[in-house]
Amino acid sequence: MKFKTGLYVFALMMVTGLLFFSCKKDKTDDTKKNQVTYNGTNHSLDKGIIVHFAWKTEGYLTVLVLVSPEGVIHTTGTQFDSISGTNGSGITIGLFSSDSAHLAEGIYPYDTTGNMTAGTFNGASLALNFHFGTPDGMMVPGLGGAVIVKKIGTDYEISYSGVDKTGKVIDLYYKGVLKDYLMAKSTWKAWGL
C-alpha cells in the first residue's frame, strides 16, 4: 500500500511540475504584443492591411497600414478606400517591395537617397489620439532604422525601430494576417499623389 501511495504522490508531483513548466513557458512566449511604442508609451494595434499602388518603379510602392481598435478600415472589393474612427492610433510605412502583388519578406533599411529602390522604405507616419476621418490629431514622422518583414504561414510578422525628428524612439511589432489591396484612384489625391 505504501508503494502505491508513494507512486500516486510522485505522479501527482510530476503532473503538477509539468503544468507549472508549461504555463511558465506559455507566459514567456507571449511577451510581444501588437503595438507601436513612442517615447515610452505603448499604443495597441489590432488590424492592418497592405496597400499596393498601380505604378511601377524599381521597387513597387507598398504601404503598410496598421490601426488601433478605434480605427475602422474601409475597403471595396480589392480596393482600399479610407479609415474612419476617433481617438485612435495607427502607423503607415511606405515600403518599396520587389513584388507588385505582395509585400516581399526581408529587411528594409531607410532610403536616404529617395531613389525608391526595391528593398528599402521611405519613412513612417505615426498617428496618435487621431480622428481618422478629419484628420485631426498628432502626426509623428518616423525616420531612419529598418523594417523587418517575415511571413509565417498566413501571418506577417513586422517589426520597425526608428526615431522622430527630435530623436524620440518609435518601435513597432505586429503579427497577424494582412490582406492585400490596391489603392483606389479616387483616394490617391487624399494621399497627396
N, C-alpha and C. Protein backbone atom coordinates (compact mmCIF):
# COMPACT_ATOMS: atom_id res chain seq x y z
N MET A 1 0.81 -1.19 0.00
CA MET A 1 0.00 0.00 0.00
C MET A 1 0.86 1.26 0.00
N LYS A 2 1.97 1.22 0.75
CA LYS A 2 2.85 2.39 0.79
C LYS A 2 3.43 2.67 -0.60
N PHE A 3 3.75 1.61 -1.33
CA PHE A 3 4.31 1.77 -2.66
C PHE A 3 3.31 2.48 -3.58
N LYS A 4 2.04 2.07 -3.55
CA LYS A 4 1.01 2.69 -4.38
C LYS A 4 0.81 4.14 -4.00
N THR A 5 0.80 4.45 -2.70
CA THR A 5 0.61 5.82 -2.23
C THR A 5 1.79 6.68 -2.67
N GLY A 6 3.00 6.14 -2.50
CA GLY A 6 4.20 6.88 -2.92
C GLY A 6 4.20 7.13 -4.41
N LEU A 7 3.78 6.14 -5.18
CA LEU A 7 3.71 6.28 -6.64
C LEU A 7 2.67 7.33 -7.02
N TYR A 8 1.55 7.34 -6.32
CA TYR A 8 0.49 8.33 -6.57
C TYR A 8 1.01 9.74 -6.30
N VAL A 9 1.70 9.94 -5.17
CA VAL A 9 2.24 11.26 -4.81
C VAL A 9 3.28 11.68 -5.84
N PHE A 10 4.14 10.75 -6.25
CA PHE A 10 5.17 11.05 -7.25
C PHE A 10 4.53 11.47 -8.58
N ALA A 11 3.52 10.71 -9.00
CA ALA A 11 2.83 11.03 -10.26
C ALA A 11 2.15 12.40 -10.17
N LEU A 12 1.54 12.70 -9.03
CA LEU A 12 0.89 13.99 -8.83
C LEU A 12 1.91 15.12 -8.90
N MET A 13 3.09 14.91 -8.30
CA MET A 13 4.14 15.93 -8.34
C MET A 13 4.64 16.14 -9.78
N MET A 14 4.76 15.05 -10.55
CA MET A 14 5.20 15.16 -11.93
C MET A 14 4.21 15.95 -12.77
N VAL A 15 2.92 15.64 -12.61
CA VAL A 15 1.88 16.34 -13.38
C VAL A 15 1.87 17.82 -12.99
N THR A 16 1.94 18.11 -11.70
CA THR A 16 1.95 19.50 -11.23
C THR A 16 3.17 20.23 -11.79
N GLY A 17 4.33 19.56 -11.76
CA GLY A 17 5.54 20.16 -12.29
C GLY A 17 5.45 20.44 -13.78
N LEU A 18 4.89 19.51 -14.53
CA LEU A 18 4.73 19.71 -15.97
C LEU A 18 3.76 20.85 -16.27
N LEU A 19 2.67 20.91 -15.52
CA LEU A 19 1.71 22.01 -15.71
C LEU A 19 2.37 23.34 -15.40
N PHE A 20 3.13 23.41 -14.32
CA PHE A 20 3.80 24.65 -13.94
C PHE A 20 4.80 25.06 -15.01
N PHE A 21 5.60 24.07 -15.48
CA PHE A 21 6.59 24.36 -16.51
C PHE A 21 5.91 24.81 -17.80
N SER A 22 4.82 24.15 -18.18
CA SER A 22 4.10 24.51 -19.40
C SER A 22 3.53 25.91 -19.31
N CYS A 23 2.91 26.24 -18.18
CA CYS A 23 2.33 27.57 -18.01
C CYS A 23 3.42 28.63 -18.04
N LYS A 24 4.54 28.35 -17.40
CA LYS A 24 5.63 29.31 -17.37
C LYS A 24 6.15 29.54 -18.79
N LYS A 25 6.29 28.48 -19.59
CA LYS A 25 6.76 28.61 -20.96
C LYS A 25 5.80 29.45 -21.79
N ASP A 26 4.49 29.19 -21.65
CA ASP A 26 3.49 29.96 -22.39
C ASP A 26 3.59 31.43 -22.06
N LYS A 27 3.82 31.74 -20.79
CA LYS A 27 3.87 33.13 -20.36
C LYS A 27 5.04 33.86 -21.01
N THR A 28 6.21 33.21 -21.08
CA THR A 28 7.36 33.87 -21.66
C THR A 28 7.27 33.97 -23.17
N ASP A 29 6.54 33.06 -23.83
CA ASP A 29 6.41 33.11 -25.29
C ASP A 29 5.49 34.23 -25.75
N ASP A 30 4.66 34.76 -24.87
CA ASP A 30 3.65 35.74 -25.24
C ASP A 30 4.05 37.15 -24.82
N THR A 31 5.33 37.47 -24.89
CA THR A 31 5.77 38.78 -24.40
C THR A 31 5.56 39.89 -25.42
N LYS A 32 5.57 39.57 -26.71
CA LYS A 32 5.40 40.61 -27.72
C LYS A 32 3.92 40.83 -28.00
N LYS A 33 3.53 42.09 -28.04
CA LYS A 33 2.15 42.46 -28.32
C LYS A 33 2.10 43.31 -29.57
N ASN A 34 0.97 43.28 -30.24
CA ASN A 34 0.78 44.13 -31.42
C ASN A 34 0.60 45.57 -30.95
N GLN A 35 1.68 46.33 -31.10
CA GLN A 35 1.65 47.71 -30.61
C GLN A 35 2.77 48.52 -31.23
N VAL A 36 2.58 49.82 -31.17
CA VAL A 36 3.64 50.74 -31.50
C VAL A 36 3.96 51.51 -30.22
N THR A 37 5.23 51.67 -29.94
CA THR A 37 5.68 52.37 -28.74
C THR A 37 6.36 53.65 -29.16
N TYR A 38 5.90 54.76 -28.59
CA TYR A 38 6.50 56.06 -28.90
C TYR A 38 6.84 56.77 -27.61
N ASN A 39 8.09 57.15 -27.47
CA ASN A 39 8.55 57.89 -26.29
C ASN A 39 8.16 57.16 -25.00
N GLY A 40 8.23 55.82 -25.03
CA GLY A 40 7.98 55.02 -23.84
C GLY A 40 6.52 54.66 -23.58
N THR A 41 5.60 55.12 -24.42
CA THR A 41 4.17 54.82 -24.23
C THR A 41 3.71 53.85 -25.31
N ASN A 42 3.02 52.78 -24.89
CA ASN A 42 2.53 51.76 -25.81
C ASN A 42 1.15 52.12 -26.36
N HIS A 43 0.95 51.87 -27.64
CA HIS A 43 -0.33 52.10 -28.30
C HIS A 43 -0.71 50.82 -29.03
N SER A 44 -1.82 50.22 -28.63
CA SER A 44 -2.26 48.93 -29.16
C SER A 44 -2.66 49.03 -30.63
N LEU A 45 -2.35 47.98 -31.39
CA LEU A 45 -2.76 47.85 -32.79
C LEU A 45 -3.46 46.51 -32.94
N ASP A 46 -4.61 46.49 -33.61
CA ASP A 46 -5.32 45.20 -33.71
C ASP A 46 -5.70 44.79 -35.13
N LYS A 47 -5.37 45.61 -36.12
CA LYS A 47 -5.71 45.25 -37.50
C LYS A 47 -4.83 46.01 -38.46
N GLY A 48 -4.78 45.50 -39.68
CA GLY A 48 -3.99 46.19 -40.69
C GLY A 48 -4.22 45.62 -42.07
N ILE A 49 -3.71 46.32 -43.06
CA ILE A 49 -3.77 45.89 -44.46
C ILE A 49 -2.48 46.30 -45.15
N ILE A 50 -2.28 45.76 -46.33
CA ILE A 50 -1.17 46.15 -47.20
C ILE A 50 -1.78 46.76 -48.46
N VAL A 51 -1.38 47.99 -48.78
CA VAL A 51 -1.95 48.71 -49.92
C VAL A 51 -0.89 48.83 -51.01
N HIS A 52 -1.24 48.40 -52.22
CA HIS A 52 -0.33 48.45 -53.36
C HIS A 52 -0.77 49.55 -54.32
N PHE A 53 0.21 50.29 -54.82
CA PHE A 53 -0.08 51.33 -55.80
C PHE A 53 0.17 50.79 -57.20
N ALA A 54 -0.49 51.39 -58.19
CA ALA A 54 -0.57 50.79 -59.52
C ALA A 54 0.55 51.22 -60.47
N TRP A 55 1.54 51.99 -60.03
CA TRP A 55 2.61 52.33 -60.95
C TRP A 55 3.87 51.57 -60.57
N LYS A 56 4.76 51.43 -61.55
CA LYS A 56 5.96 50.63 -61.34
C LYS A 56 7.18 51.53 -61.29
N THR A 57 8.00 51.32 -60.28
CA THR A 57 9.32 51.93 -60.21
C THR A 57 10.27 50.74 -60.08
N GLU A 58 11.49 50.97 -59.68
CA GLU A 58 12.37 49.83 -59.45
C GLU A 58 11.80 48.97 -58.34
N GLY A 59 11.23 49.63 -57.32
CA GLY A 59 10.51 48.94 -56.27
C GLY A 59 9.05 49.33 -56.34
N TYR A 60 8.16 48.41 -56.05
CA TYR A 60 6.73 48.69 -56.10
C TYR A 60 6.32 49.34 -54.79
N LEU A 61 5.72 50.51 -54.85
CA LEU A 61 5.30 51.22 -53.63
C LEU A 61 4.20 50.42 -52.94
N THR A 62 4.47 50.05 -51.71
CA THR A 62 3.56 49.25 -50.90
C THR A 62 3.45 49.93 -49.55
N VAL A 63 2.24 50.25 -49.12
CA VAL A 63 2.06 50.95 -47.85
C VAL A 63 1.44 49.99 -46.83
N LEU A 64 2.14 49.82 -45.74
CA LEU A 64 1.64 49.03 -44.62
C LEU A 64 0.81 49.95 -43.75
N VAL A 65 -0.44 49.57 -43.46
CA VAL A 65 -1.36 50.36 -42.66
C VAL A 65 -1.78 49.53 -41.45
N LEU A 66 -1.47 50.00 -40.25
CA LEU A 66 -1.86 49.32 -39.00
C LEU A 66 -2.59 50.31 -38.12
N VAL A 67 -3.72 49.90 -37.52
CA VAL A 67 -4.51 50.81 -36.69
C VAL A 67 -4.95 50.14 -35.39
N SER A 68 -5.31 50.99 -34.45
CA SER A 68 -5.79 50.56 -33.14
C SER A 68 -7.25 50.13 -33.23
N PRO A 69 -7.80 49.57 -32.14
CA PRO A 69 -9.20 49.13 -32.16
C PRO A 69 -10.20 50.23 -32.52
N GLU A 70 -9.85 51.50 -32.30
CA GLU A 70 -10.76 52.61 -32.60
C GLU A 70 -10.87 52.89 -34.10
N GLY A 71 -9.91 52.42 -34.88
CA GLY A 71 -9.90 52.68 -36.31
C GLY A 71 -10.68 51.63 -37.08
N VAL A 72 -11.39 52.05 -38.12
CA VAL A 72 -12.14 51.14 -38.99
C VAL A 72 -11.59 51.31 -40.40
N ILE A 73 -11.12 50.21 -40.98
CA ILE A 73 -10.57 50.23 -42.33
C ILE A 73 -11.68 49.90 -43.32
N HIS A 74 -11.87 50.78 -44.31
CA HIS A 74 -12.93 50.60 -45.31
C HIS A 74 -12.32 50.16 -46.64
N THR A 75 -12.85 49.07 -47.18
CA THR A 75 -12.42 48.56 -48.47
C THR A 75 -13.63 48.25 -49.32
N THR A 76 -13.44 48.26 -50.64
CA THR A 76 -14.48 47.85 -51.58
C THR A 76 -13.86 46.86 -52.54
N GLY A 77 -14.28 45.62 -52.45
CA GLY A 77 -13.69 44.59 -53.29
C GLY A 77 -12.21 44.44 -53.00
N THR A 78 -11.38 44.72 -54.02
CA THR A 78 -9.93 44.61 -53.86
C THR A 78 -9.27 45.96 -53.62
N GLN A 79 -10.09 47.02 -53.42
CA GLN A 79 -9.52 48.36 -53.27
C GLN A 79 -9.69 48.90 -51.86
N PHE A 80 -8.64 49.58 -51.40
CA PHE A 80 -8.68 50.29 -50.12
C PHE A 80 -9.31 51.66 -50.35
N ASP A 81 -10.26 52.03 -49.47
CA ASP A 81 -10.94 53.32 -49.61
C ASP A 81 -10.50 54.35 -48.58
N SER A 82 -10.66 54.00 -47.28
CA SER A 82 -10.39 55.01 -46.26
C SER A 82 -10.32 54.35 -44.88
N ILE A 83 -10.04 55.19 -43.89
CA ILE A 83 -10.06 54.77 -42.49
C ILE A 83 -10.92 55.78 -41.74
N SER A 84 -11.78 55.28 -40.85
CA SER A 84 -12.58 56.18 -40.01
C SER A 84 -12.37 55.79 -38.55
N GLY A 85 -12.90 56.62 -37.65
CA GLY A 85 -12.78 56.37 -36.22
C GLY A 85 -12.14 57.55 -35.52
N THR A 86 -12.36 57.64 -34.22
CA THR A 86 -11.84 58.77 -33.44
C THR A 86 -10.99 58.28 -32.27
N ASN A 87 -10.09 59.18 -31.84
CA ASN A 87 -9.21 58.93 -30.69
C ASN A 87 -8.43 57.63 -30.82
N GLY A 88 -7.99 57.32 -32.03
CA GLY A 88 -7.24 56.10 -32.26
C GLY A 88 -5.78 56.36 -32.53
N SER A 89 -5.06 55.28 -32.73
CA SER A 89 -3.65 55.35 -33.08
C SER A 89 -3.44 54.50 -34.33
N GLY A 90 -2.38 54.77 -35.02
CA GLY A 90 -2.06 53.99 -36.20
C GLY A 90 -0.69 54.35 -36.72
N ILE A 91 -0.22 53.54 -37.65
CA ILE A 91 1.06 53.82 -38.29
C ILE A 91 0.98 53.36 -39.74
N THR A 92 1.56 54.15 -40.63
CA THR A 92 1.72 53.76 -42.02
C THR A 92 3.21 53.77 -42.33
N ILE A 93 3.64 52.80 -43.13
CA ILE A 93 5.05 52.72 -43.53
C ILE A 93 5.07 52.49 -45.04
N GLY A 94 5.78 53.34 -45.75
CA GLY A 94 5.92 53.20 -47.19
C GLY A 94 7.15 52.37 -47.53
N LEU A 95 6.90 51.18 -48.10
CA LEU A 95 7.99 50.27 -48.44
C LEU A 95 8.05 50.07 -49.95
N PHE A 96 9.23 49.80 -50.47
CA PHE A 96 9.39 49.51 -51.88
C PHE A 96 9.70 48.02 -52.01
N SER A 97 8.66 47.27 -52.36
CA SER A 97 8.74 45.81 -52.43
C SER A 97 9.24 45.38 -53.80
N SER A 98 9.88 44.24 -53.87
CA SER A 98 10.31 43.68 -55.15
C SER A 98 9.17 42.92 -55.83
N ASP A 99 8.03 42.80 -55.17
CA ASP A 99 6.88 42.05 -55.68
C ASP A 99 5.71 43.02 -55.83
N SER A 100 5.08 43.04 -57.01
CA SER A 100 4.00 44.00 -57.26
C SER A 100 2.70 43.63 -56.55
N ALA A 101 2.52 42.37 -56.20
CA ALA A 101 1.24 41.92 -55.63
C ALA A 101 1.29 41.64 -54.14
N HIS A 102 2.47 41.51 -53.56
CA HIS A 102 2.61 41.17 -52.15
C HIS A 102 3.78 41.94 -51.55
N LEU A 103 3.79 42.00 -50.25
CA LEU A 103 4.92 42.60 -49.54
C LEU A 103 5.98 41.52 -49.37
N ALA A 104 7.11 41.69 -50.03
CA ALA A 104 8.18 40.69 -50.01
C ALA A 104 8.86 40.67 -48.63
N GLU A 105 9.26 39.48 -48.21
CA GLU A 105 10.00 39.34 -46.96
C GLU A 105 11.37 39.99 -47.09
N GLY A 106 11.92 40.40 -45.94
CA GLY A 106 13.27 40.93 -45.94
C GLY A 106 13.45 42.06 -44.96
N ILE A 107 14.65 42.60 -44.95
CA ILE A 107 14.99 43.76 -44.12
C ILE A 107 15.01 44.98 -45.03
N TYR A 108 14.19 45.98 -44.71
CA TYR A 108 14.05 47.19 -45.50
C TYR A 108 14.74 48.35 -44.76
N PRO A 109 15.96 48.72 -45.13
CA PRO A 109 16.59 49.88 -44.49
C PRO A 109 15.95 51.18 -44.99
N TYR A 110 16.15 52.25 -44.23
CA TYR A 110 15.63 53.57 -44.57
C TYR A 110 16.30 54.08 -45.84
N ASP A 111 15.51 54.57 -46.79
CA ASP A 111 16.02 55.09 -48.06
C ASP A 111 16.39 56.55 -47.89
N THR A 112 17.66 56.82 -47.79
CA THR A 112 18.12 58.21 -47.61
C THR A 112 18.30 58.93 -48.94
N THR A 113 18.25 58.19 -50.06
CA THR A 113 18.51 58.79 -51.37
C THR A 113 17.25 59.22 -52.10
N GLY A 114 16.09 58.66 -51.74
CA GLY A 114 14.85 58.97 -52.44
C GLY A 114 14.75 58.29 -53.79
N ASN A 115 15.51 57.23 -54.01
CA ASN A 115 15.51 56.53 -55.31
C ASN A 115 14.44 55.47 -55.45
N MET A 116 13.67 55.19 -54.41
CA MET A 116 12.62 54.17 -54.43
C MET A 116 13.16 52.81 -54.83
N THR A 117 14.31 52.48 -54.29
CA THR A 117 14.97 51.21 -54.60
C THR A 117 14.25 50.06 -53.90
N ALA A 118 14.04 48.97 -54.64
CA ALA A 118 13.40 47.79 -54.05
C ALA A 118 14.19 47.34 -52.83
N GLY A 119 13.45 46.99 -51.76
CA GLY A 119 14.09 46.54 -50.53
C GLY A 119 14.42 47.66 -49.57
N THR A 120 13.86 48.86 -49.79
CA THR A 120 14.05 49.98 -48.85
C THR A 120 12.68 50.52 -48.43
N PHE A 121 12.67 51.41 -47.43
CA PHE A 121 11.43 52.12 -47.08
C PHE A 121 11.74 53.61 -46.98
N ASN A 122 10.71 54.43 -47.24
CA ASN A 122 10.95 55.87 -47.30
C ASN A 122 10.40 56.63 -46.10
N GLY A 123 9.97 55.93 -45.06
CA GLY A 123 9.52 56.61 -43.86
C GLY A 123 8.25 56.03 -43.30
N ALA A 124 7.98 56.44 -42.08
CA ALA A 124 6.78 56.01 -41.37
C ALA A 124 6.03 57.24 -40.90
N SER A 125 4.75 57.08 -40.69
CA SER A 125 3.93 58.17 -40.16
C SER A 125 3.06 57.62 -39.04
N LEU A 126 3.31 58.09 -37.83
CA LEU A 126 2.62 57.63 -36.64
C LEU A 126 1.50 58.61 -36.28
N ALA A 127 0.29 58.09 -36.09
CA ALA A 127 -0.86 58.92 -35.71
C ALA A 127 -1.24 58.59 -34.27
N LEU A 128 -1.37 59.61 -33.43
CA LEU A 128 -1.72 59.44 -32.02
C LEU A 128 -2.92 60.30 -31.67
N ASN A 129 -3.85 59.74 -30.87
CA ASN A 129 -5.08 60.45 -30.49
C ASN A 129 -5.70 61.07 -31.75
N PHE A 130 -5.91 60.22 -32.73
CA PHE A 130 -6.20 60.67 -34.09
C PHE A 130 -7.66 60.46 -34.46
N HIS A 131 -8.22 61.44 -35.16
CA HIS A 131 -9.55 61.34 -35.76
C HIS A 131 -9.32 61.04 -37.24
N PHE A 132 -9.44 59.78 -37.62
CA PHE A 132 -9.02 59.34 -38.94
C PHE A 132 -9.77 60.01 -40.08
N GLY A 133 -11.04 60.33 -39.90
CA GLY A 133 -11.81 60.93 -40.98
C GLY A 133 -11.51 62.39 -41.21
N THR A 134 -11.02 63.12 -40.20
CA THR A 134 -10.91 64.57 -40.30
C THR A 134 -9.74 65.10 -41.13
N PRO A 135 -8.51 64.77 -41.05
CA PRO A 135 -7.77 64.10 -39.99
C PRO A 135 -7.22 65.11 -38.97
N ASP A 136 -7.57 64.92 -37.72
CA ASP A 136 -7.09 65.75 -36.62
C ASP A 136 -6.37 64.87 -35.62
N GLY A 137 -5.35 65.39 -35.00
CA GLY A 137 -4.59 64.64 -34.02
C GLY A 137 -3.11 64.85 -34.23
N MET A 138 -2.33 64.10 -33.52
CA MET A 138 -0.88 64.23 -33.57
C MET A 138 -0.29 63.29 -34.62
N MET A 139 0.49 63.84 -35.54
CA MET A 139 1.19 63.05 -36.55
C MET A 139 2.69 63.16 -36.29
N VAL A 140 3.35 62.01 -36.23
CA VAL A 140 4.78 61.96 -35.94
C VAL A 140 5.48 61.22 -37.08
N PRO A 141 6.39 61.88 -37.80
CA PRO A 141 7.12 61.17 -38.84
C PRO A 141 8.20 60.27 -38.23
N GLY A 142 8.32 59.06 -38.77
CA GLY A 142 9.37 58.13 -38.34
C GLY A 142 10.49 58.10 -39.35
N LEU A 143 11.70 58.26 -38.88
CA LEU A 143 12.87 58.33 -39.76
C LEU A 143 13.89 57.27 -39.37
N GLY A 144 14.73 56.93 -40.31
CA GLY A 144 15.86 56.04 -40.03
C GLY A 144 15.43 54.63 -39.64
N GLY A 145 16.42 53.84 -39.26
CA GLY A 145 16.16 52.49 -38.80
C GLY A 145 15.87 51.54 -39.94
N ALA A 146 15.14 50.48 -39.62
CA ALA A 146 14.82 49.46 -40.62
C ALA A 146 13.50 48.79 -40.26
N VAL A 147 12.85 48.28 -41.29
CA VAL A 147 11.62 47.49 -41.15
C VAL A 147 11.97 46.05 -41.51
N ILE A 148 11.58 45.11 -40.64
CA ILE A 148 11.82 43.69 -40.90
C ILE A 148 10.47 43.03 -41.18
N VAL A 149 10.38 42.36 -42.32
CA VAL A 149 9.14 41.70 -42.75
C VAL A 149 9.40 40.20 -42.86
N LYS A 150 8.61 39.42 -42.11
CA LYS A 150 8.68 37.96 -42.19
C LYS A 150 7.29 37.44 -42.50
N LYS A 151 7.21 36.31 -43.19
CA LYS A 151 5.94 35.66 -43.47
C LYS A 151 5.97 34.29 -42.81
N ILE A 152 5.03 34.04 -41.90
CA ILE A 152 4.95 32.77 -41.19
C ILE A 152 3.57 32.19 -41.46
N GLY A 153 3.50 31.25 -42.39
CA GLY A 153 2.19 30.72 -42.79
C GLY A 153 1.38 31.82 -43.43
N THR A 154 0.19 32.10 -42.88
CA THR A 154 -0.65 33.18 -43.41
C THR A 154 -0.42 34.50 -42.68
N ASP A 155 0.41 34.48 -41.65
CA ASP A 155 0.68 35.69 -40.86
C ASP A 155 1.93 36.41 -41.34
N TYR A 156 1.87 37.72 -41.27
CA TYR A 156 3.07 38.54 -41.40
C TYR A 156 3.56 38.87 -39.99
N GLU A 157 4.87 38.97 -39.85
CA GLU A 157 5.46 39.48 -38.61
C GLU A 157 6.30 40.69 -39.01
N ILE A 158 5.89 41.85 -38.50
CA ILE A 158 6.51 43.12 -38.87
C ILE A 158 7.14 43.75 -37.63
N SER A 159 8.37 44.20 -37.76
CA SER A 159 8.98 44.98 -36.68
C SER A 159 9.70 46.18 -37.30
N TYR A 160 9.70 47.26 -36.56
CA TYR A 160 10.33 48.50 -37.01
C TYR A 160 10.88 49.23 -35.81
N SER A 161 12.04 49.82 -36.00
CA SER A 161 12.60 50.69 -34.97
C SER A 161 13.21 51.89 -35.68
N GLY A 162 12.78 53.08 -35.25
CA GLY A 162 13.28 54.32 -35.82
C GLY A 162 13.14 55.43 -34.81
N VAL A 163 13.26 56.66 -35.27
CA VAL A 163 13.16 57.83 -34.39
C VAL A 163 12.34 58.91 -35.06
N ASP A 164 11.86 59.87 -34.25
CA ASP A 164 11.21 61.04 -34.82
C ASP A 164 12.28 62.11 -35.06
N LYS A 165 11.87 63.31 -35.44
CA LYS A 165 12.82 64.38 -35.76
C LYS A 165 13.65 64.81 -34.56
N THR A 166 13.13 64.59 -33.35
CA THR A 166 13.86 65.00 -32.15
C THR A 166 14.64 63.86 -31.51
N GLY A 167 14.60 62.68 -32.12
CA GLY A 167 15.36 61.54 -31.60
C GLY A 167 14.57 60.63 -30.66
N LYS A 168 13.28 60.92 -30.46
CA LYS A 168 12.46 60.02 -29.64
C LYS A 168 12.21 58.72 -30.40
N VAL A 169 12.28 57.61 -29.68
CA VAL A 169 12.24 56.28 -30.32
C VAL A 169 10.81 55.86 -30.66
N ILE A 170 10.67 55.28 -31.86
CA ILE A 170 9.42 54.65 -32.31
C ILE A 170 9.73 53.18 -32.54
N ASP A 171 9.05 52.29 -31.83
CA ASP A 171 9.21 50.85 -32.01
C ASP A 171 7.87 50.24 -32.37
N LEU A 172 7.88 49.31 -33.31
CA LEU A 172 6.65 48.67 -33.76
C LEU A 172 6.84 47.16 -33.77
N TYR A 173 5.81 46.44 -33.33
CA TYR A 173 5.75 44.99 -33.52
C TYR A 173 4.31 44.65 -33.87
N TYR A 174 4.14 43.85 -34.92
CA TYR A 174 2.80 43.39 -35.30
C TYR A 174 2.92 42.01 -35.92
N LYS A 175 2.05 41.10 -35.49
CA LYS A 175 1.98 39.78 -36.10
C LYS A 175 0.51 39.45 -36.34
N GLY A 176 0.19 39.10 -37.59
CA GLY A 176 -1.18 38.75 -37.92
C GLY A 176 -1.38 38.72 -39.42
N VAL A 177 -2.61 38.42 -39.81
CA VAL A 177 -2.97 38.36 -41.23
C VAL A 177 -3.11 39.79 -41.75
N LEU A 178 -2.49 40.05 -42.89
CA LEU A 178 -2.59 41.36 -43.55
C LEU A 178 -3.00 41.11 -45.00
N LYS A 179 -4.21 41.51 -45.35
CA LYS A 179 -4.70 41.30 -46.71
C LYS A 179 -4.15 42.38 -47.65
N ASP A 180 -4.02 42.00 -48.92
CA ASP A 180 -3.51 42.91 -49.95
C ASP A 180 -4.66 43.63 -50.64
N TYR A 181 -4.51 44.96 -50.81
CA TYR A 181 -5.50 45.78 -51.51
C TYR A 181 -4.77 46.72 -52.46
N LEU A 182 -5.48 47.18 -53.49
CA LEU A 182 -4.99 48.22 -54.37
C LEU A 182 -5.51 49.56 -53.86
N MET A 183 -4.74 50.61 -54.11
CA MET A 183 -5.20 51.95 -53.74
C MET A 183 -6.24 52.40 -54.76
N ALA A 184 -7.42 52.72 -54.28
CA ALA A 184 -8.46 53.25 -55.17
C ALA A 184 -8.00 54.59 -55.74
N LYS A 185 -8.13 54.78 -57.05
CA LYS A 185 -7.65 56.01 -57.68
C LYS A 185 -8.31 57.25 -57.09
N SER A 186 -9.55 57.11 -56.64
CA SER A 186 -10.25 58.25 -56.05
C SER A 186 -9.61 58.72 -54.76
N THR A 187 -8.82 57.86 -54.12
CA THR A 187 -8.20 58.26 -52.86
C THR A 187 -6.74 58.68 -53.02
N TRP A 188 -6.19 58.58 -54.24
CA TRP A 188 -4.80 58.99 -54.45
C TRP A 188 -4.58 60.44 -54.04
N LYS A 189 -5.53 61.31 -54.40
CA LYS A 189 -5.39 62.74 -54.12
C LYS A 189 -5.32 62.98 -52.62
N ALA A 190 -6.11 62.26 -51.84
CA ALA A 190 -6.09 62.41 -50.40
C ALA A 190 -4.73 62.02 -49.81
N TRP A 191 -4.01 61.17 -50.50
CA TRP A 191 -2.68 60.74 -50.05
C TRP A 191 -1.58 61.63 -50.65
N GLY A 192 -1.98 62.67 -51.39
CA GLY A 192 -1.01 63.59 -51.97
C GLY A 192 -0.32 63.05 -53.20
N LEU A 193 -1.00 62.19 -53.98
CA LEU A 193 -0.38 61.55 -55.15
C LEU A 193 -1.00 62.08 -56.44
